[in-house]
Protein backbone atom coordinates (compact mmCIF):
# COMPACT_ATOMS: atom_id res chain seq x y z
CA MET A 1 132.25 6.28 -41.03
CA THR A 2 133.27 3.90 -43.74
CA PRO A 3 130.50 1.92 -45.45
CA PRO A 4 129.35 -0.93 -43.21
CA SER A 5 130.73 -4.35 -43.95
CA THR A 6 128.70 -7.52 -43.81
CA ASP A 7 131.53 -9.03 -41.79
CA HIS A 8 131.06 -8.80 -38.03
CA GLN A 9 133.75 -6.38 -36.96
CA ASP A 10 133.98 -7.48 -33.33
CA SER A 11 133.86 -11.23 -33.85
CA GLY A 12 137.50 -11.53 -32.86
CA ASN A 13 137.04 -9.72 -29.57
CA THR A 14 137.79 -12.46 -27.08
CA GLU A 15 137.21 -10.08 -24.16
CA ALA A 16 133.56 -9.43 -25.04
CA LYS A 17 131.17 -10.24 -22.22
CA GLY A 18 127.43 -10.40 -21.64
CA ALA A 19 125.20 -9.43 -24.55
CA GLU A 20 128.14 -8.70 -26.83
CA ALA A 21 129.56 -12.17 -26.22
CA ILE A 22 126.14 -13.63 -26.99
CA TYR A 23 126.03 -11.70 -30.27
CA ASN A 24 129.47 -12.99 -31.20
CA ARG A 25 128.46 -16.56 -30.38
CA VAL A 26 124.99 -16.94 -31.88
CA LYS A 27 124.37 -18.06 -35.44
CA ALA A 28 122.57 -15.52 -37.59
CA ALA A 29 118.92 -16.53 -37.93
CA LYS A 30 115.50 -14.88 -38.26
CA LYS A 31 113.97 -15.91 -34.94
CA VAL A 32 112.07 -12.80 -33.87
CA PRO A 33 109.37 -11.58 -36.31
CA LEU A 34 109.72 -8.03 -37.59
CA ASP A 35 106.59 -6.83 -35.80
CA ARG A 36 108.13 -7.87 -32.48
CA MET A 37 111.59 -6.35 -33.03
CA PRO A 38 112.22 -3.57 -30.45
CA TYR A 39 114.30 -0.38 -30.65
CA ASN A 40 114.46 -0.46 -34.51
CA LEU A 41 117.09 -3.20 -34.23
CA GLN A 42 116.00 -4.74 -37.53
CA TYR A 43 117.69 -1.79 -39.26
CA THR A 44 121.13 -2.44 -37.71
CA VAL A 45 123.89 -2.28 -40.35
CA GLU A 46 126.95 -3.16 -38.28
CA VAL A 47 128.45 -3.69 -34.83
CA LYS A 48 131.22 -1.37 -33.72
CA ASN A 49 132.82 -0.36 -30.42
CA GLY A 50 130.38 -2.43 -28.39
CA SER A 51 127.31 -0.88 -30.02
CA LEU A 52 124.70 -1.82 -32.59
CA ILE A 53 124.80 0.86 -35.30
CA ILE A 54 121.45 1.94 -36.78
CA PRO A 55 121.61 4.64 -39.50
CA HIS A 56 118.69 7.08 -39.51
CA TYR A 57 118.54 9.61 -42.34
CA ASP A 58 121.87 11.51 -42.05
CA HIS A 59 122.87 10.36 -38.55
CA TYR A 60 123.16 7.22 -36.45
CA HIS A 61 121.51 5.67 -33.41
CA ASN A 62 123.76 3.49 -31.28
CA ILE A 63 122.43 0.86 -28.91
CA LYS A 64 125.07 -0.39 -26.49
CA PHE A 65 125.29 -4.06 -25.59
CA GLU A 66 125.84 -3.05 -21.97
CA TRP A 67 122.30 -1.67 -21.80
CA PHE A 68 121.02 -5.23 -22.20
CA ASP A 69 123.45 -6.38 -19.49
CA GLU A 70 122.11 -3.68 -17.16
CA GLY A 71 118.52 -4.75 -17.78
CA LEU A 72 117.58 -1.40 -19.32
CA TYR A 73 116.90 -3.07 -22.66
CA GLU A 74 115.55 -6.57 -23.12
CA ALA A 75 114.26 -9.07 -25.66
CA PRO A 76 110.53 -9.01 -26.48
CA LYS A 77 108.34 -11.24 -24.34
CA GLY A 78 108.39 -14.86 -25.46
CA TYR A 79 111.90 -14.59 -26.91
CA THR A 80 115.37 -14.86 -25.43
CA LEU A 81 118.19 -12.37 -25.83
CA GLU A 82 119.90 -15.03 -27.98
CA ASP A 83 116.87 -15.04 -30.30
CA LEU A 84 116.89 -11.25 -30.57
CA LEU A 85 120.62 -10.92 -31.24
CA ALA A 86 120.61 -13.81 -33.71
CA THR A 87 117.91 -11.94 -35.65
CA VAL A 88 119.87 -8.68 -35.51
CA LYS A 89 122.95 -10.52 -36.73
CA TYR A 90 120.97 -11.99 -39.63
CA TYR A 91 120.00 -8.54 -40.93
CA VAL A 92 123.55 -7.26 -40.45
CA GLU A 93 124.89 -10.12 -42.57
CA HIS A 94 122.02 -10.06 -45.11
CA PRO A 95 121.51 -6.34 -45.89
CA ASN A 96 119.30 -7.06 -48.91
CA GLU A 97 116.77 -8.72 -46.61
CA ARG A 98 116.46 -5.81 -44.22
CA PRO A 99 112.88 -4.52 -44.05
CA HIS A 100 111.98 -1.29 -45.80
CA SER A 101 111.58 1.80 -43.62
CA ASP A 102 109.35 4.76 -44.46
CA ASN A 103 111.05 6.75 -41.70
CA GLY A 104 114.64 6.84 -42.92
CA PHE A 105 116.04 3.89 -40.98
CA GLY A 106 118.42 1.21 -42.27
CA ASN A 107 118.40 0.80 -46.05
CA ALA A 108 116.36 4.01 -46.41
CA SER A 109 119.04 6.10 -44.66
CA ASP A 110 121.44 8.46 -46.39
CA HIS A 111 124.26 6.18 -45.25
CA VAL A 112 123.04 3.13 -47.18
CA GLN A 113 121.61 5.05 -50.14
CA ARG A 114 124.91 6.87 -50.61
CA ASN A 115 126.75 3.56 -50.67
CA LYS A 116 124.27 2.06 -53.14
CA ASN A 117 124.80 5.00 -55.46
CA GLY A 118 128.54 4.42 -55.35
CA GLN A 119 129.24 7.77 -53.77
CA ALA A 120 132.00 8.27 -51.24
CA ASP A 121 130.85 8.33 -47.65
CA THR A 122 133.66 10.51 -46.38
CA ASN A 123 131.25 13.26 -45.35
CA GLN A 124 130.05 11.03 -42.56
CA THR A 125 133.26 11.41 -40.59
CA GLU A 126 131.94 14.40 -38.70
CA LYS A 127 129.23 12.18 -37.20
CA PRO A 128 131.11 9.43 -35.33
CA SER A 129 129.11 6.37 -34.38
CA GLU A 130 129.96 6.83 -30.71
CA GLU A 131 127.90 10.00 -30.48
CA LYS A 132 124.32 10.05 -29.28
CA PRO A 133 122.10 10.97 -32.24
CA GLN A 134 119.87 13.52 -30.56
CA THR A 135 122.59 16.18 -30.24
CA GLU A 136 123.93 15.96 -33.78
CA LYS A 137 123.73 18.84 -36.22
CA PRO A 138 120.70 20.60 -34.68
CA GLU A 139 120.81 23.47 -37.16
CA GLU A 140 121.01 21.38 -40.32
CA GLU A 141 118.23 19.80 -42.34
CA THR A 142 114.59 19.89 -41.26
CA PRO A 143 113.73 19.76 -37.54
CA ARG A 144 113.67 16.26 -36.04
CA GLU A 145 109.91 16.18 -35.64
CA GLU A 146 109.44 16.75 -39.36
CA LYS A 147 111.83 14.06 -40.55
CA PRO A 148 109.36 11.13 -40.50
CA GLN A 149 107.14 13.02 -42.96
CA SER A 150 109.98 13.88 -45.32
CA GLU A 151 111.79 11.54 -47.66
CA LYS A 152 114.29 14.27 -48.55
CA PRO A 153 115.94 15.40 -45.31
CA GLU A 154 118.96 16.78 -47.16
CA SER A 155 116.92 19.30 -49.15
CA PRO A 156 118.21 22.78 -48.28
CA LYS A 157 115.96 25.14 -46.41
CA PRO A 158 114.48 28.06 -48.40
CA THR A 159 115.96 31.49 -47.97
CA GLU A 160 113.58 32.27 -45.11
CA GLU A 161 115.55 29.97 -42.78
CA PRO A 162 117.34 32.90 -41.05
CA GLU A 163 113.92 34.06 -39.83
CA GLU A 164 113.35 30.68 -38.19
CA SER A 165 116.81 30.25 -36.74
CA PRO A 166 116.13 32.27 -33.54
CA GLU A 167 113.45 29.71 -32.72
CA GLU A 168 116.08 26.97 -32.59
CA SER A 169 118.13 28.80 -29.98
CA GLU A 170 115.26 30.00 -27.78
CA GLU A 171 115.93 27.59 -24.94
CA PRO A 172 119.47 26.34 -24.29
CA GLN A 173 119.52 22.59 -23.80
CA VAL A 174 121.29 20.78 -20.98
CA GLU A 175 124.37 18.95 -22.25
CA THR A 176 123.73 15.31 -23.08
CA GLU A 177 126.62 14.23 -20.84
CA LYS A 178 124.93 15.87 -17.83
CA VAL A 179 121.63 14.15 -18.63
CA GLU A 180 123.41 10.80 -18.92
CA GLU A 181 125.15 11.43 -15.59
CA LYS A 182 121.80 12.17 -13.93
CA LEU A 183 120.32 8.97 -15.38
CA ARG A 184 123.29 6.95 -14.12
CA GLU A 185 122.80 8.47 -10.66
CA ALA A 186 119.16 7.37 -10.73
CA GLU A 187 120.21 3.92 -11.93
CA ASP A 188 122.68 3.54 -9.05
CA LEU A 189 120.03 4.60 -6.55
CA LEU A 190 117.50 2.23 -8.12
CA GLY A 191 119.69 -0.73 -7.17
CA LYS A 192 119.28 0.17 -3.49
CA ILE A 193 115.46 0.22 -3.51
CA GLN A 194 113.87 -2.73 -1.70
CA ASP A 195 110.17 -2.18 -2.44
CA PRO A 196 109.45 -4.30 -5.55
CA ILE A 197 106.57 -2.14 -6.79
CA ILE A 198 108.48 1.13 -6.49
CA LYS A 199 111.53 -0.52 -8.03
CA SER A 200 109.55 -1.87 -11.00
CA ASN A 201 107.85 1.46 -11.68
CA ALA A 202 111.09 3.40 -11.33
CA LYS A 203 112.91 1.00 -13.64
CA GLU A 204 110.21 1.43 -16.28
CA THR A 205 110.44 5.21 -15.97
CA LEU A 206 114.23 5.14 -16.20
CA THR A 207 114.13 2.93 -19.29
CA GLY A 208 111.67 5.31 -20.91
CA LEU A 209 113.92 8.29 -20.21
CA LYS A 210 116.92 6.48 -21.68
CA ASN A 211 114.91 5.65 -24.79
CA ASN A 212 113.80 9.27 -25.11
CA LEU A 213 117.41 10.41 -24.86
CA LEU A 214 118.59 7.82 -27.38
CA PHE A 215 115.91 8.43 -29.99
CA GLY A 216 115.44 12.15 -29.41
CA THR A 217 111.71 11.90 -28.65
CA GLN A 218 112.10 14.47 -25.87
CA ASP A 219 114.54 17.36 -25.52
CA ASN A 220 117.36 17.21 -22.99
CA ASN A 221 115.76 19.75 -20.65
CA THR A 222 112.56 17.71 -20.36
CA ILE A 223 114.46 14.48 -19.77
CA MET A 224 116.65 16.16 -17.13
CA ALA A 225 113.56 17.46 -15.30
CA GLU A 226 111.96 14.00 -15.31
CA ALA A 227 115.22 12.41 -14.17
CA GLU A 228 115.43 14.81 -11.22
CA LYS A 229 111.84 13.93 -10.25
CA LEU A 230 112.73 10.24 -10.40
CA LEU A 231 115.82 10.83 -8.25
CA ALA A 232 113.75 12.65 -5.65
CA LEU A 233 111.27 9.77 -5.55
CA LEU A 234 114.03 7.19 -5.18
CA LYS A 235 115.72 9.14 -2.38
CA GLU A 236 112.43 9.27 -0.47
CA SER A 237 111.95 5.52 -0.95
CA LYS A 238 115.38 4.41 0.30
């Protein structure tokens, strides 16, 4: 990926609808306080292909506008979606005012640090922004759960890494595409549920699973198992 520009790349997209159209329309402004910003959106560096791009260490998290349209993501209570996206837009257009992250997001990511140091960012091309972050480069760097404690994720592993490598391949993970398909199936079924309590609880569960998939807080196998449980519950409740 080329270094992010402060110019909004999709502003000329006249076909944008829903949340993306709102983003294009609103004026950049700090309306939502940092402690109320959800999904790490305050670390967004650019908008591309209908997604908000959030660099995290050596990879990227992408939050699609359509997730807001589907009701899976929403603005924090007390604020409108316009307020949230105006705030995101402000930090995209004012990179020097982005908050500091101790966990490798935004300006603390390899992506931004590499650009600040004047180094070419061509090595990022193998990690396209369209990809979900949790499946990227599983055998490189330190394991995901250790990243928040490390400020140097690019440090090479000691020579004992080959002894640890079998641990990484102990349990094959379900492909991300299959997990996403299962979540979409649950989402379609959710729309047919009439009971408001069941629907509300199921929606909350589904949103949590999507977040876990996006941010890599659970492995694909766990998310798939939970999604299948949710599907079974929804089928019984139809």
